[in-house]
Amino acid sequence: MANPTNPYHFMTYSEVAEVLGVSRQTVRVTEANALAKLRRNPVLKQHFLDHISSSSEFRSLDQVPSA
């Protein structure tokens, strides 16, 4: 398993489940519930949207071919 402290490493449900000692399904449901809470709360929703837009900007910059 890769180093989970690396901010550029995205862990699979299986990897997270192994670290936490729970099932993949529990990880998936917990993630879905957390994201639903973010979407329902107006303050947190704005933070979430800001994060998603800044993350996608960085990803799109990574994909720009160099001259």
N, C-alpha and C. Protein backbone atom coordinates (compact mmCIF):
# COMPACT_ATOMS: atom_id res chain seq x y z
N MET A 1 0.85 -1.17 0.00
CA MET A 1 0.00 0.00 0.00
C MET A 1 0.90 1.24 0.00
N ALA A 2 0.51 2.24 -0.75
CA ALA A 2 1.26 3.49 -0.82
C ALA A 2 1.10 4.28 0.49
N ASN A 3 1.93 5.27 0.65
CA ASN A 3 1.92 6.08 1.86
C ASN A 3 0.65 6.93 1.92
N PRO A 4 -0.27 6.68 2.88
CA PRO A 4 -1.52 7.44 2.93
C PRO A 4 -1.34 8.89 3.35
N THR A 5 -0.16 9.28 3.83
CA THR A 5 0.06 10.67 4.22
C THR A 5 0.44 11.54 3.03
N ASN A 6 0.71 10.94 1.89
CA ASN A 6 1.03 11.69 0.67
C ASN A 6 -0.26 12.33 0.17
N PRO A 7 -0.35 13.67 0.09
CA PRO A 7 -1.60 14.32 -0.30
C PRO A 7 -2.02 14.04 -1.75
N TYR A 8 -1.12 13.52 -2.56
CA TYR A 8 -1.44 13.23 -3.95
C TYR A 8 -1.79 11.77 -4.18
N HIS A 9 -1.83 11.00 -3.11
CA HIS A 9 -2.19 9.59 -3.21
C HIS A 9 -3.66 9.44 -2.82
N PHE A 10 -4.44 8.90 -3.70
CA PHE A 10 -5.85 8.64 -3.42
C PHE A 10 -6.00 7.17 -3.09
N MET A 11 -6.49 6.89 -1.90
CA MET A 11 -6.63 5.51 -1.44
C MET A 11 -7.94 4.93 -1.95
N THR A 12 -7.93 3.63 -2.24
CA THR A 12 -9.14 2.93 -2.64
C THR A 12 -9.97 2.64 -1.38
N TYR A 13 -11.23 2.25 -1.60
CA TYR A 13 -12.07 1.86 -0.47
C TYR A 13 -11.43 0.70 0.28
N SER A 14 -10.84 -0.23 -0.44
CA SER A 14 -10.20 -1.39 0.20
C SER A 14 -9.03 -0.96 1.08
N GLU A 15 -8.22 -0.02 0.59
CA GLU A 15 -7.08 0.45 1.37
C GLU A 15 -7.54 1.17 2.64
N VAL A 16 -8.54 2.02 2.51
CA VAL A 16 -9.07 2.74 3.68
C VAL A 16 -9.67 1.74 4.67
N ALA A 17 -10.43 0.79 4.16
CA ALA A 17 -11.06 -0.22 5.02
C ALA A 17 -10.01 -1.01 5.79
N GLU A 18 -8.91 -1.36 5.13
CA GLU A 18 -7.85 -2.11 5.78
C GLU A 18 -7.22 -1.29 6.91
N VAL A 19 -6.96 -0.02 6.66
CA VAL A 19 -6.35 0.86 7.67
C VAL A 19 -7.29 1.02 8.87
N LEU A 20 -8.58 1.21 8.60
CA LEU A 20 -9.55 1.47 9.67
C LEU A 20 -10.11 0.20 10.31
N GLY A 21 -9.91 -0.93 9.66
CA GLY A 21 -10.42 -2.19 10.20
C GLY A 21 -11.92 -2.34 10.04
N VAL A 22 -12.46 -1.81 8.93
CA VAL A 22 -13.89 -1.93 8.63
C VAL A 22 -14.04 -2.48 7.21
N SER A 23 -15.28 -2.68 6.77
CA SER A 23 -15.52 -3.19 5.43
C SER A 23 -15.47 -2.07 4.39
N ARG A 24 -15.28 -2.47 3.13
CA ARG A 24 -15.31 -1.49 2.03
C ARG A 24 -16.66 -0.80 1.98
N GLN A 25 -17.72 -1.55 2.23
CA GLN A 25 -19.07 -0.99 2.19
C GLN A 25 -19.24 0.09 3.26
N THR A 26 -18.68 -0.12 4.44
CA THR A 26 -18.75 0.88 5.51
C THR A 26 -18.03 2.15 5.08
N VAL A 27 -16.89 2.01 4.45
CA VAL A 27 -16.14 3.18 3.96
C VAL A 27 -16.96 3.93 2.92
N ARG A 28 -17.56 3.19 1.99
CA ARG A 28 -18.34 3.82 0.93
C ARG A 28 -19.54 4.57 1.50
N VAL A 29 -20.25 3.94 2.43
CA VAL A 29 -21.44 4.57 3.03
C VAL A 29 -21.03 5.80 3.85
N THR A 30 -19.94 5.69 4.60
CA THR A 30 -19.46 6.82 5.39
C THR A 30 -19.09 7.99 4.50
N GLU A 31 -18.42 7.72 3.39
CA GLU A 31 -18.07 8.78 2.44
C GLU A 31 -19.32 9.43 1.87
N ALA A 32 -20.29 8.62 1.47
CA ALA A 32 -21.53 9.16 0.90
C ALA A 32 -22.27 10.03 1.91
N ASN A 33 -22.30 9.59 3.17
CA ASN A 33 -22.98 10.38 4.21
C ASN A 33 -22.25 11.70 4.46
N ALA A 34 -20.94 11.66 4.48
CA ALA A 34 -20.16 12.89 4.70
C ALA A 34 -20.36 13.88 3.56
N LEU A 35 -20.33 13.40 2.34
CA LEU A 35 -20.53 14.29 1.19
C LEU A 35 -21.95 14.86 1.18
N ALA A 36 -22.93 14.06 1.59
CA ALA A 36 -24.32 14.55 1.66
C ALA A 36 -24.44 15.66 2.69
N LYS A 37 -23.75 15.51 3.83
CA LYS A 37 -23.78 16.57 4.85
C LYS A 37 -23.15 17.85 4.32
N LEU A 38 -22.07 17.72 3.59
CA LEU A 38 -21.43 18.90 3.00
C LEU A 38 -22.36 19.61 2.04
N ARG A 39 -23.08 18.84 1.25
CA ARG A 39 -23.98 19.42 0.25
C ARG A 39 -25.18 20.11 0.89
N ARG A 40 -25.63 19.63 2.06
CA ARG A 40 -26.81 20.20 2.72
C ARG A 40 -26.50 21.47 3.51
N ASN A 41 -25.30 21.62 4.04
CA ASN A 41 -24.95 22.76 4.87
C ASN A 41 -24.46 23.90 3.99
N PRO A 42 -25.12 25.07 4.02
CA PRO A 42 -24.76 26.16 3.12
C PRO A 42 -23.29 26.63 3.27
N VAL A 43 -22.82 26.74 4.50
CA VAL A 43 -21.44 27.19 4.72
C VAL A 43 -20.46 26.14 4.23
N LEU A 44 -20.68 24.90 4.65
CA LEU A 44 -19.78 23.82 4.24
C LEU A 44 -19.88 23.54 2.74
N LYS A 45 -21.08 23.73 2.20
CA LYS A 45 -21.26 23.52 0.77
C LYS A 45 -20.36 24.46 -0.02
N GLN A 46 -20.27 25.71 0.40
CA GLN A 46 -19.43 26.67 -0.32
C GLN A 46 -17.95 26.27 -0.21
N HIS A 47 -17.53 25.85 0.96
CA HIS A 47 -16.15 25.39 1.12
C HIS A 47 -15.88 24.19 0.21
N PHE A 48 -16.84 23.26 0.17
CA PHE A 48 -16.70 22.07 -0.67
C PHE A 48 -16.60 22.47 -2.15
N LEU A 49 -17.46 23.36 -2.59
CA LEU A 49 -17.44 23.79 -3.99
C LEU A 49 -16.14 24.52 -4.31
N ASP A 50 -15.66 25.34 -3.39
CA ASP A 50 -14.38 26.03 -3.59
C ASP A 50 -13.25 25.02 -3.71
N HIS A 51 -13.27 24.01 -2.86
CA HIS A 51 -12.23 22.98 -2.89
C HIS A 51 -12.25 22.21 -4.21
N ILE A 52 -13.45 21.83 -4.63
CA ILE A 52 -13.57 21.07 -5.88
C ILE A 52 -13.09 21.91 -7.06
N SER A 53 -13.46 23.18 -7.10
CA SER A 53 -13.06 24.01 -8.23
C SER A 53 -11.55 24.25 -8.21
N SER A 54 -10.95 24.45 -7.03
CA SER A 54 -9.50 24.65 -6.99
C SER A 54 -8.77 23.36 -7.32
N SER A 55 -9.29 22.22 -6.89
CA SER A 55 -8.66 20.94 -7.20
C SER A 55 -8.70 20.67 -8.70
N SER A 56 -9.84 20.97 -9.34
CA SER A 56 -9.95 20.71 -10.77
C SER A 56 -9.06 21.67 -11.56
N GLU A 57 -8.86 22.89 -11.04
CA GLU A 57 -7.95 23.82 -11.71
C GLU A 57 -6.53 23.27 -11.70
N PHE A 58 -6.11 22.72 -10.56
CA PHE A 58 -4.76 22.17 -10.48
C PHE A 58 -4.62 20.96 -11.38
N ARG A 59 -5.65 20.11 -11.42
CA ARG A 59 -5.59 18.93 -12.29
C ARG A 59 -5.52 19.34 -13.75
N SER A 60 -6.28 20.36 -14.14
CA SER A 60 -6.27 20.77 -15.54
C SER A 60 -4.93 21.40 -15.90
N LEU A 61 -4.29 22.10 -14.93
CA LEU A 61 -2.98 22.67 -15.20
C LEU A 61 -1.93 21.58 -15.38
N ASP A 62 -2.09 20.48 -14.65
CA ASP A 62 -1.16 19.36 -14.79
C ASP A 62 -1.25 18.72 -16.16
N GLN A 63 -2.40 18.84 -16.80
CA GLN A 63 -2.62 18.18 -18.08
C GLN A 63 -2.26 19.05 -19.27
N VAL A 64 -1.87 20.30 -19.03
CA VAL A 64 -1.52 21.21 -20.12
C VAL A 64 -0.14 20.81 -20.64
N PRO A 65 -0.02 20.53 -21.93
CA PRO A 65 1.28 20.12 -22.45
C PRO A 65 2.28 21.27 -22.38
N SER A 66 3.51 20.94 -22.08
CA SER A 66 4.53 21.97 -22.01
C SER A 66 5.04 22.29 -23.42
N ALA A 67 5.50 23.53 -23.60
CA ALA A 67 5.93 23.99 -24.93
C ALA A 67 7.30 23.48 -25.29
